[in-house]
Structures are given as C-alpha cells and as structure tokens.
Amino acid sequence: MSTQVTLEMIYAEVRRVNERLRLIEDVIEEVVVKGLPEVSVSKGKIKEIEGSIQEMKKGSCITLEELKSAP
C-alpha cells in the first residue's frame, strides 16, 4: 500500500510543528520569567524586554560569541 504525500499534507505538518515550537517557546519564556527574582522594573525597561523577546521569536538575535567580539 502506497500513500501519496501532497504539498498540502507537508504544509499542514509544518504548521503543526510551528505551533508546537511556539508553545514550547512560550513555556520556556514562562519558566525563565518565573525563575527570576522579583524586582521593580520601569515601564520603559519592561517595553525593552518585551521588544527583545519579540526579536528573539522572529530570529533576530546574535550569538554570545558575536556579542563578546563587538567593539
């Protein structure tokens, strides 16, 4: 018995994988945030942190090595 794989089937699987990855990212973010000590943070700093999280989710980040070698 042969099952024919269609582009729609592949696309549906990619969507499911992307959704699972998003959920995993959300869980990791929650664990990290809960593991941090509670401190008072300004609204500006909160916006900066939220922006950084969004950049990471988009893949807009650099490696630690790149950061270390920056002037």
PDB file of N, CA and C in Angstrom:
ATOM      1  N   MET A   1       0.844  -1.180   0.000  1.00  0.00           N
ATOM      2  CA  MET A   1       0.000   0.000   0.000  1.00  0.00           C
ATOM      3  C   MET A   1       0.883   1.235   0.000  1.00  0.00           C
ATOM      4  N   SER A   2       0.632   2.128  -0.922  1.00  0.00           N
ATOM      5  CA  SER A   2       1.451   3.335  -1.071  1.00  0.00           C
ATOM      6  C   SER A   2       0.615   4.567  -0.728  1.00  0.00           C
ATOM      7  N   THR A   3       1.163   5.416   0.128  1.00  0.00           N
ATOM      8  CA  THR A   3       0.492   6.661   0.480  1.00  0.00           C
ATOM      9  C   THR A   3       1.182   7.794  -0.245  1.00  0.00           C
ATOM     10  N   GLN A   4       0.410   8.566  -0.974  1.00  0.00           N
ATOM     11  CA  GLN A   4       0.968   9.682  -1.712  1.00  0.00           C
ATOM     12  C   GLN A   4       0.974  10.915  -0.816  1.00  0.00           C
ATOM     13  N   VAL A   5       2.129  11.533  -0.685  1.00  0.00           N
ATOM     14  CA  VAL A   5       2.274  12.731   0.129  1.00  0.00           C
ATOM     15  C   VAL A   5       2.069  13.937  -0.773  1.00  0.00           C
ATOM     16  N   THR A   6       1.175  14.807  -0.341  1.00  0.00           N
ATOM     17  CA  THR A   6       0.889  16.005  -1.122  1.00  0.00           C
ATOM     18  C   THR A   6       1.533  17.223  -0.464  1.00  0.00           C
ATOM     19  N   LEU A   7       1.639  18.284  -1.215  1.00  0.00           N
ATOM     20  CA  LEU A   7       2.164  19.538  -0.662  1.00  0.00           C
ATOM     21  C   LEU A   7       1.272  20.030   0.475  1.00  0.00           C
ATOM     22  N   GLU A   8      -0.007  19.839   0.361  1.00  0.00           N
ATOM     23  CA  GLU A   8      -0.938  20.255   1.417  1.00  0.00           C
ATOM     24  C   GLU A   8      -0.664  19.485   2.709  1.00  0.00           C
ATOM     25  N   MET A   9      -0.368  18.203   2.605  1.00  0.00           N
ATOM     26  CA  MET A   9      -0.045  17.404   3.787  1.00  0.00           C
ATOM     27  C   MET A   9       1.245  17.906   4.448  1.00  0.00           C
ATOM     28  N   ILE A  10       2.240  18.221   3.618  1.00  0.00           N
ATOM     29  CA  ILE A  10       3.510  18.733   4.142  1.00  0.00           C
ATOM     30  C   ILE A  10       3.284  20.091   4.809  1.00  0.00           C
ATOM     31  N   TYR A  11       2.515  20.951   4.153  1.00  0.00           N
ATOM     32  CA  TYR A  11       2.226  22.273   4.699  1.00  0.00           C
ATOM     33  C   TYR A  11       1.490  22.163   6.034  1.00  0.00           C
ATOM     34  N   ALA A  12       0.532  21.265   6.118  1.00  0.00           N
ATOM     35  CA  ALA A  12      -0.217  21.074   7.362  1.00  0.00           C
ATOM     36  C   ALA A  12       0.711  20.614   8.484  1.00  0.00           C
ATOM     37  N   GLU A  13       1.640  19.725   8.178  1.00  0.00           N
ATOM     38  CA  GLU A  13       2.591  19.246   9.189  1.00  0.00           C
ATOM     39  C   GLU A  13       3.523  20.369   9.630  1.00  0.00           C
ATOM     40  N   VAL A  14       3.986  21.172   8.701  1.00  0.00           N
ATOM     41  CA  VAL A  14       4.849  22.309   9.044  1.00  0.00           C
ATOM     42  C   VAL A  14       4.098  23.276   9.956  1.00  0.00           C
ATOM     43  N   ARG A  15       2.829  23.522   9.670  1.00  0.00           N
ATOM     44  CA  ARG A  15       2.021  24.401  10.544  1.00  0.00           C
ATOM     45  C   ARG A  15       1.926  23.813  11.943  1.00  0.00           C
ATOM     46  N   ARG A  16       1.703  22.505  12.055  1.00  0.00           N
ATOM     47  CA  ARG A  16       1.615  21.854  13.376  1.00  0.00           C
ATOM     48  C   ARG A  16       2.944  21.958  14.125  1.00  0.00           C
ATOM     49  N   VAL A  17       4.036  21.755  13.424  1.00  0.00           N
ATOM     50  CA  VAL A  17       5.353  21.862  14.057  1.00  0.00           C
ATOM     51  C   VAL A  17       5.597  23.301  14.518  1.00  0.00           C
ATOM     52  N   ASN A  18       5.267  24.267  13.686  1.00  0.00           N
ATOM     53  CA  ASN A  18       5.444  25.672  14.068  1.00  0.00           C
ATOM     54  C   ASN A  18       4.623  26.007  15.305  1.00  0.00           C
ATOM     55  N   GLU A  19       3.417  25.506  15.374  1.00  0.00           N
ATOM     56  CA  GLU A  19       2.558  25.768  16.542  1.00  0.00           C
ATOM     57  C   GLU A  19       3.158  25.138  17.793  1.00  0.00           C
ATOM     58  N   ARG A  20       3.655  23.906  17.666  1.00  0.00           N
ATOM     59  CA  ARG A  20       4.283  23.254  18.826  1.00  0.00           C
ATOM     60  C   ARG A  20       5.520  24.016  19.273  1.00  0.00           C
ATOM     61  N   LEU A  21       6.316  24.487  18.333  1.00  0.00           N
ATOM     62  CA  LEU A  21       7.503  25.265  18.685  1.00  0.00           C
ATOM     63  C   LEU A  21       7.108  26.566  19.394  1.00  0.00           C
ATOM     64  N   ARG A  22       6.057  27.204  18.924  1.00  0.00           N
ATOM     65  CA  ARG A  22       5.584  28.434  19.567  1.00  0.00           C
ATOM     66  C   ARG A  22       5.170  28.151  20.998  1.00  0.00           C
ATOM     67  N   LEU A  23       4.466  27.043  21.205  1.00  0.00           N
ATOM     68  CA  LEU A  23       4.046  26.680  22.563  1.00  0.00           C
ATOM     69  C   LEU A  23       5.252  26.380  23.453  1.00  0.00           C
ATOM     70  N   ILE A  24       6.246  25.698  22.906  1.00  0.00           N
ATOM     71  CA  ILE A  24       7.460  25.411  23.668  1.00  0.00           C
ATOM     72  C   ILE A  24       8.172  26.714  24.031  1.00  0.00           C
ATOM     73  N   GLU A  25       8.274  27.637  23.077  1.00  0.00           N
ATOM     74  CA  GLU A  25       8.892  28.939  23.360  1.00  0.00           C
ATOM     75  C   GLU A  25       8.147  29.657  24.481  1.00  0.00           C
ATOM     76  N   ASP A  26       6.826  29.612  24.432  1.00  0.00           N
ATOM     77  CA  ASP A  26       6.022  30.271  25.476  1.00  0.00           C
ATOM     78  C   ASP A  26       6.268  29.654  26.849  1.00  0.00           C
ATOM     79  N   VAL A  27       6.369  28.326  26.892  1.00  0.00           N
ATOM     80  CA  VAL A  27       6.617  27.645  28.167  1.00  0.00           C
ATOM     81  C   VAL A  27       8.005  28.008  28.697  1.00  0.00           C
ATOM     82  N   ILE A  28       9.003  27.990  27.825  1.00  0.00           N
ATOM     83  CA  ILE A  28      10.362  28.344  28.249  1.00  0.00           C
ATOM     84  C   ILE A  28      10.395  29.781  28.758  1.00  0.00           C
ATOM     85  N   GLU A  29       9.740  30.676  28.049  1.00  0.00           N
ATOM     86  CA  GLU A  29       9.686  32.078  28.481  1.00  0.00           C
ATOM     87  C   GLU A  29       9.055  32.182  29.869  1.00  0.00           C
ATOM     88  N   GLU A  30       7.968  31.472  30.088  1.00  0.00           N
ATOM     89  CA  GLU A  30       7.284  31.490  31.375  1.00  0.00           C
ATOM     90  C   GLU A  30       8.179  30.955  32.483  1.00  0.00           C
ATOM     91  N   VAL A  31       8.884  29.859  32.214  1.00  0.00           N
ATOM     92  CA  VAL A  31       9.778  29.265  33.214  1.00  0.00           C
ATOM     93  C   VAL A  31      10.902  30.247  33.564  1.00  0.00           C
ATOM     94  N   VAL A  32      11.480  30.867  32.555  1.00  0.00           N
ATOM     95  CA  VAL A  32      12.563  31.820  32.794  1.00  0.00           C
ATOM     96  C   VAL A  32      12.061  32.992  33.615  1.00  0.00           C
ATOM     97  N   VAL A  33      10.918  33.539  33.242  1.00  0.00           N
ATOM     98  CA  VAL A  33      10.375  34.696  33.957  1.00  0.00           C
ATOM     99  C   VAL A  33      10.053  34.327  35.399  1.00  0.00           C
ATOM    100  N   LYS A  34       9.448  33.169  35.629  1.00  0.00           N
ATOM    101  CA  LYS A  34       9.105  32.753  37.000  1.00  0.00           C
ATOM    102  C   LYS A  34      10.349  32.471  37.828  1.00  0.00           C
ATOM    103  N   GLY A  35      11.440  32.090  37.170  1.00  0.00           N
ATOM    104  CA  GLY A  35      12.670  31.793  37.883  1.00  0.00           C
ATOM    105  C   GLY A  35      13.460  33.018  38.285  1.00  0.00           C
ATOM    106  N   LEU A  36      13.103  34.155  37.747  1.00  0.00           N
ATOM    107  CA  LEU A  36      13.812  35.393  38.078  1.00  0.00           C
ATOM    108  C   LEU A  36      13.308  35.950  39.401  1.00  0.00           C
ATOM    109  N   PRO A  37      14.191  36.574  40.151  1.00  0.00           N
ATOM    110  CA  PRO A  37      13.731  37.207  41.380  1.00  0.00           C
ATOM    111  C   PRO A  37      12.828  38.394  41.047  1.00  0.00           C
ATOM    112  N   GLU A  38      11.911  38.682  41.942  1.00  0.00           N
ATOM    113  CA  GLU A  38      11.017  39.819  41.705  1.00  0.00           C
ATOM    114  C   GLU A  38      11.747  41.114  42.021  1.00  0.00           C
ATOM    115  N   VAL A  39      11.693  42.032  41.084  1.00  0.00           N
ATOM    116  CA  VAL A  39      12.303  43.348  41.256  1.00  0.00           C
ATOM    117  C   VAL A  39      11.385  44.388  40.652  1.00  0.00           C
ATOM    118  N   SER A  40      11.576  45.609  41.053  1.00  0.00           N
ATOM    119  CA  SER A  40      10.815  46.702  40.450  1.00  0.00           C
ATOM    120  C   SER A  40      11.494  47.090  39.140  1.00  0.00           C
ATOM    121  N   VAL A  41      10.708  47.158  38.087  1.00  0.00           N
ATOM    122  CA  VAL A  41      11.241  47.485  36.768  1.00  0.00           C
ATOM    123  C   VAL A  41      10.402  48.613  36.189  1.00  0.00           C
ATOM    124  N   SER A  42      11.083  49.576  35.588  1.00  0.00           N
ATOM    125  CA  SER A  42      10.370  50.704  34.981  1.00  0.00           C
ATOM    126  C   SER A  42       9.576  50.244  33.766  1.00  0.00           C
ATOM    127  N   LYS A  43       8.569  51.010  33.410  1.00  0.00           N
ATOM    128  CA  LYS A  43       7.755  50.678  32.233  1.00  0.00           C
ATOM    129  C   LYS A  43       8.609  50.668  30.965  1.00  0.00           C
ATOM    130  N   GLY A  44       9.582  51.565  30.903  1.00  0.00           N
ATOM    131  CA  GLY A  44      10.481  51.608  29.748  1.00  0.00           C
ATOM    132  C   GLY A  44      11.296  50.335  29.629  1.00  0.00           C
ATOM    133  N   LYS A  45      11.790  49.844  30.768  1.00  0.00           N
ATOM    134  CA  LYS A  45      12.594  48.611  30.773  1.00  0.00           C
ATOM    135  C   LYS A  45      11.717  47.411  30.392  1.00  0.00           C
ATOM    136  N   ILE A  46      10.474  47.393  30.865  1.00  0.00           N
ATOM    137  CA  ILE A  46       9.545  46.311  30.508  1.00  0.00           C
ATOM    138  C   ILE A  46       9.324  46.292  29.002  1.00  0.00           C
ATOM    139  N   LYS A  47       9.126  47.457  28.402  1.00  0.00           N
ATOM    140  CA  LYS A  47       8.933  47.542  26.946  1.00  0.00           C
ATOM    141  C   LYS A  47      10.176  47.044  26.211  1.00  0.00           C
ATOM    142  N   GLU A  48      11.353  47.382  26.745  1.00  0.00           N
ATOM    143  CA  GLU A  48      12.608  46.938  26.130  1.00  0.00           C
ATOM    144  C   GLU A  48      12.723  45.418  26.187  1.00  0.00           C
ATOM    145  N   ILE A  49      12.384  44.840  27.325  1.00  0.00           N
ATOM    146  CA  ILE A  49      12.435  43.383  27.484  1.00  0.00           C
ATOM    147  C   ILE A  49      11.431  42.715  26.550  1.00  0.00           C
ATOM    148  N   GLU A  50      10.224  43.239  26.490  1.00  0.00           N
ATOM    149  CA  GLU A  50       9.206  42.671  25.597  1.00  0.00           C
ATOM    150  C   GLU A  50       9.663  42.738  24.140  1.00  0.00           C
ATOM    151  N   GLY A  51      10.289  43.875  23.768  1.00  0.00           N
ATOM    152  CA  GLY A  51      10.810  44.015  22.406  1.00  0.00           C
ATOM    153  C   GLY A  51      11.894  42.987  22.112  1.00  0.00           C
ATOM    154  N   SER A  52      12.761  42.751  23.104  1.00  0.00           N
ATOM    155  CA  SER A  52      13.824  41.756  22.932  1.00  0.00           C
ATOM    156  C   SER A  52      13.243  40.364  22.745  1.00  0.00           C
ATOM    157  N   ILE A  53      12.212  40.047  23.513  1.00  0.00           N
ATOM    158  CA  ILE A  53      11.567  38.729  23.387  1.00  0.00           C
ATOM    159  C   ILE A  53      10.973  38.573  21.993  1.00  0.00           C
ATOM    160  N   GLN A  54      10.331  39.609  21.493  1.00  0.00           N
ATOM    161  CA  GLN A  54       9.749  39.540  20.152  1.00  0.00           C
ATOM    162  C   GLN A  54      10.831  39.368  19.092  1.00  0.00           C
ATOM    163  N   GLU A  55      11.961  40.064  19.258  1.00  0.00           N
ATOM    164  CA  GLU A  55      13.064  39.922  18.309  1.00  0.00           C
ATOM    165  C   GLU A  55      13.597  38.488  18.320  1.00  0.00           C
ATOM    166  N   MET A  56      13.720  37.891  19.510  1.00  0.00           N
ATOM    167  CA  MET A  56      14.201  36.519  19.599  1.00  0.00           C
ATOM    168  C   MET A  56      13.227  35.565  18.908  1.00  0.00           C
ATOM    169  N   LYS A  57      11.928  35.790  19.100  1.00  0.00           N
ATOM    170  CA  LYS A  57      10.931  34.915  18.465  1.00  0.00           C
ATOM    171  C   LYS A  57      11.000  35.008  16.950  1.00  0.00           C
ATOM    172  N   LYS A  58      11.363  36.188  16.432  1.00  0.00           N
ATOM    173  CA  LYS A  58      11.486  36.373  14.987  1.00  0.00           C
ATOM    174  C   LYS A  58      12.814  35.825  14.467  1.00  0.00           C
ATOM    175  N   GLY A  59      13.718  35.504  15.398  1.00  0.00           N
ATOM    176  CA  GLY A  59      15.030  35.019  14.986  1.00  0.00           C
ATOM    177  C   GLY A  59      16.038  36.136  14.845  1.00  0.00           C
ATOM    178  N   SER A  60      15.671  37.349  15.280  1.00  0.00           N
ATOM    179  CA  SER A  60      16.574  38.486  15.194  1.00  0.00           C
ATOM    180  C   SER A  60      17.462  38.535  16.436  1.00  0.00           C
ATOM    181  N   CYS A  61      18.511  37.753  16.412  1.00  0.00           N
ATOM    182  CA  CYS A  61      19.409  37.739  17.563  1.00  0.00           C
ATOM    183  C   CYS A  61      20.816  37.438  17.084  1.00  0.00           C
ATOM    184  N   ILE A  62      21.766  37.620  17.991  1.00  0.00           N
ATOM    185  CA  ILE A  62      23.147  37.307  17.671  1.00  0.00           C
ATOM    186  C   ILE A  62      23.641  36.272  18.663  1.00  0.00           C
ATOM    187  N   THR A  63      24.736  35.642  18.337  1.00  0.00           N
ATOM    188  CA  THR A  63      25.288  34.644  19.243  1.00  0.00           C
ATOM    189  C   THR A  63      26.091  35.339  20.345  1.00  0.00           C
ATOM    190  N   LEU A  64      26.353  34.616  21.402  1.00  0.00           N
ATOM    191  CA  LEU A  64      27.144  35.140  22.503  1.00  0.00           C
ATOM    192  C   LEU A  64      28.537  35.494  22.011  1.00  0.00           C
ATOM    193  N   GLU A  65      29.084  34.686  21.123  1.00  0.00           N
ATOM    194  CA  GLU A  65      30.407  34.963  20.575  1.00  0.00           C
ATOM    195  C   GLU A  65      30.417  36.277  19.807  1.00  0.00           C
ATOM    196  N   GLU A  66      29.370  36.547  19.019  1.00  0.00           N
ATOM    197  CA  GLU A  66      29.275  37.808  18.289  1.00  0.00           C
ATOM    198  C   GLU A  66      29.203  38.983  19.257  1.00  0.00           C
ATOM    199  N   LEU A  67      28.474  38.814  20.332  1.00  0.00           N
ATOM    200  CA  LEU A  67      28.338  39.862  21.329  1.00  0.00           C
ATOM    201  C   LEU A  67      29.680  40.118  22.022  1.00  0.00           C
ATOM    202  N   LYS A  68      30.393  39.052  22.349  1.00  0.00           N
ATOM    203  CA  LYS A  68      31.693  39.198  23.004  1.00  0.00           C
ATOM    204  C   LYS A  68      32.700  39.920  22.113  1.00  0.00           C
ATOM    205  N   SER A  69      32.629  39.697  20.821  1.00  0.00           N
ATOM    206  CA  SER A  69      33.612  40.301  19.915  1.00  0.00           C
ATOM    207  C   SER A  69      33.207  41.687  19.409  1.00  0.00           C
ATOM    208  N   ALA A  70      32.036  42.175  19.844  1.00  0.00           N
ATOM    209  CA  ALA A  70      31.594  43.502  19.414  1.00  0.00           C
ATOM    210  C   ALA A  70      32.471  44.578  20.049  1.00  0.00           C
ATOM    211  N   PRO A  71      32.753  45.643  19.312  1.00  0.00           N
ATOM    212  CA  PRO A  71      33.607  46.720  19.854  1.00  0.00           C
ATOM    213  C   PRO A  71      32.950  47.472  20.997  1.00  0.00           C
TER     214      PRO A  71
END
